[in-house]
Structure formats: C-alpha cells, structure tokens
Amino acid sequence: MKNNLLQLAFGLVVLVLGGGLEEFLPKVLGVGFPVLLTATQFWALHAKSSLQAVLFALLAGAFEDALSSLPPMTSVSFFPMSALFVRQVGFPRAVTALTYSAYQLWLLIWTSVPGGEIFN
C-alpha cells in the first residue's frame, strides 16, 4: 500500500513538472516536445496494471488539454489509447514516433471541424 501511494505521488509530481516543462520548452516550427505523452507512455510500460496506466493517461490528457487550451477531451481521448497500445507493443523509439504522429493527426481531426470541436 505504501509503495502504491509513493508511485501515485511520484506520478502526480511528474505530471505537474512535465506540464510546466512542456509549456516552457521552445517550440520548433510551432510544435513542442510531447513531455506528457512521453510520460504517459513510460508510465504505461512500467505500471503494474492496465488500470493504473489508463488512469495516469486520463490525468495526463486532462493536463495537456488544460495547459494547451485544446478543445475538451482531445488529449483525454487519445492518451489512454496510446497507453494501452504501448502496454501491448512495448516502448521502442519507433512506437513513440508513431504515436506522436498519430496524436498530431488526432489533433488535426479534432480542430479541423467547424467550431473547433467534434462534439458541440
């Protein structure tokens, strides 16, 4: 029990610091480094259960949406899928690159709809 609480506290610290770092790192060609997506994938690989990975992904997605002023549920809907995919495949560099490209496509779909959101 004590170990689980320590992991939860560490995960929350990672989310807060990762969100702050993501906002302060310079954006190259308008695209920032996906700190929270990478943290989600790392956590998914090392979590004891899929439920822990999904809960962390939901929190990270909520942080991402709030910090980047994306439409609600944009990252919250993608990060859990990414976490489950990484749990199944593993964490090679190619998977990270593919999921980041898929995330950019997901954002393009969500923000290209008139009104800026799929679900109005």
Protein backbone atom coordinates (compact mmCIF):
# COMPACT_ATOMS: atom_id res chain seq x y z
CA MET A 1 0.00 0.00 0.00
CA LYS A 2 2.78 2.41 0.92
CA ASN A 3 4.56 1.67 -2.36
CA ASN A 4 1.38 2.39 -4.37
CA LEU A 5 0.91 5.76 -2.64
CA LEU A 6 4.53 6.63 -3.33
CA GLN A 7 4.07 5.75 -7.00
CA LEU A 8 0.92 7.87 -7.17
CA ALA A 9 2.67 10.84 -5.56
CA PHE A 10 5.61 10.47 -7.94
CA GLY A 11 3.23 10.27 -10.91
CA LEU A 12 1.47 13.47 -9.87
CA VAL A 13 4.80 15.27 -9.49
CA VAL A 14 5.81 14.06 -12.95
CA LEU A 15 2.55 15.38 -14.40
CA VAL A 16 2.92 18.81 -12.83
CA LEU A 17 6.60 19.17 -13.72
CA GLY A 18 6.07 17.70 -17.19
CA GLY A 19 3.22 20.08 -17.91
CA GLY A 20 5.30 23.03 -16.81
CA LEU A 21 8.30 21.85 -18.78
CA GLU A 22 6.18 21.36 -21.88
CA GLU A 23 5.00 24.97 -21.69
CA PHE A 24 8.46 26.46 -21.13
CA LEU A 25 10.47 24.47 -23.70
CA PRO A 26 10.87 26.30 -27.00
CA LYS A 27 8.57 25.17 -29.78
CA VAL A 28 10.32 24.21 -33.01
CA LEU A 29 8.21 25.14 -36.05
CA GLY A 30 5.26 25.67 -33.72
CA VAL A 31 5.39 22.14 -32.27
CA GLY A 32 6.54 21.49 -28.74
CA PHE A 33 8.12 18.38 -27.28
CA PRO A 34 5.42 15.94 -26.10
CA VAL A 35 6.53 15.64 -22.47
CA LEU A 36 3.16 14.49 -21.13
CA LEU A 37 2.60 11.98 -23.95
CA THR A 38 6.07 10.54 -23.37
CA ALA A 39 5.47 10.38 -19.61
CA THR A 40 2.19 8.59 -20.27
CA GLN A 41 3.88 6.02 -22.44
CA PHE A 42 6.70 5.49 -19.95
CA TRP A 43 4.20 5.10 -17.10
CA ALA A 44 2.11 2.69 -19.18
CA LEU A 45 5.12 0.50 -19.75
CA HIS A 46 6.07 0.39 -16.06
CA ALA A 47 2.61 0.39 -14.43
CA LYS A 48 1.57 -2.71 -12.53
CA SER A 49 -1.83 -2.87 -14.21
CA SER A 50 -3.61 -1.51 -17.25
CA LEU A 51 -5.99 0.35 -14.95
CA GLN A 52 -3.11 2.35 -13.46
CA ALA A 53 -1.82 3.13 -16.94
CA VAL A 54 -5.24 4.31 -18.13
CA LEU A 55 -5.85 6.46 -15.04
CA PHE A 56 -2.45 8.13 -15.43
CA ALA A 57 -3.17 8.66 -19.12
CA LEU A 58 -6.52 10.29 -18.32
CA LEU A 59 -4.85 12.68 -15.87
CA ALA A 60 -2.05 13.48 -18.31
CA GLY A 61 -4.57 14.09 -21.08
CA ALA A 62 -6.54 16.44 -18.85
CA PHE A 63 -3.36 18.35 -18.03
CA GLU A 64 -2.48 18.54 -21.73
CA ASP A 65 -5.92 19.84 -22.70
CA ALA A 66 -5.92 22.42 -19.92
CA LEU A 67 -2.39 23.70 -20.50
CA SER A 68 -2.52 23.88 -24.28
CA SER A 69 -6.07 25.24 -24.48
CA LEU A 70 -7.17 22.38 -26.73
CA PRO A 71 -10.86 21.56 -27.01
CA PRO A 72 -12.01 19.43 -24.06
CA MET A 73 -11.50 15.67 -24.42
CA THR A 74 -8.96 15.98 -27.23
CA SER A 75 -5.97 14.56 -25.39
CA VAL A 76 -8.09 12.80 -22.78
CA SER A 77 -9.50 10.61 -25.53
CA PHE A 78 -6.13 9.86 -27.17
CA PHE A 79 -3.75 9.30 -24.25
CA PRO A 80 -5.48 6.16 -22.87
CA MET A 81 -5.45 4.57 -26.33
CA SER A 82 -1.76 5.38 -26.57
CA ALA A 83 -1.08 3.91 -23.12
CA LEU A 84 -2.86 0.66 -23.95
CA PHE A 85 -1.07 0.45 -27.29
CA VAL A 86 2.32 0.89 -25.61
CA ARG A 87 1.44 -1.74 -22.99
CA GLN A 88 0.76 -4.22 -25.80
CA VAL A 89 3.67 -3.38 -28.09
CA GLY A 90 6.43 -2.19 -25.76
CA PHE A 91 8.37 1.06 -25.84
CA PRO A 92 10.79 1.13 -28.77
CA ARG A 93 11.57 4.53 -30.22
CA ALA A 94 9.54 3.75 -33.32
CA VAL A 95 6.38 3.34 -31.23
CA THR A 96 6.90 6.76 -29.67
CA ALA A 97 7.36 8.35 -33.07
CA LEU A 98 4.27 6.61 -34.44
CA THR A 99 2.09 7.57 -31.51
CA TYR A 100 3.22 11.19 -31.69
CA SER A 101 2.39 11.28 -35.40
CA ALA A 102 -0.97 9.66 -34.67
CA TYR A 103 -1.54 12.27 -31.93
CA GLN A 104 -0.87 15.10 -34.39
CA LEU A 105 -3.35 13.55 -36.83
CA TRP A 106 -5.87 13.18 -33.97
CA LEU A 107 -5.44 16.87 -33.11
CA LEU A 108 -5.86 17.83 -36.76
CA ILE A 109 -9.14 15.92 -36.95
CA TRP A 110 -10.45 17.43 -33.70
CA THR A 111 -9.52 21.02 -34.54
CA SER A 112 -10.48 20.97 -38.23
CA VAL A 113 -14.19 20.62 -37.52
CA PRO A 114 -16.08 23.95 -37.71
CA GLY A 115 -16.41 25.35 -34.23
CA GLY A 116 -13.17 23.69 -33.13
CA GLU A 117 -14.74 20.61 -31.56
CA ILE A 118 -16.19 17.39 -32.82
CA PHE A 119 -18.90 17.25 -30.16
CA ASN A 120 -20.75 20.56 -29.84
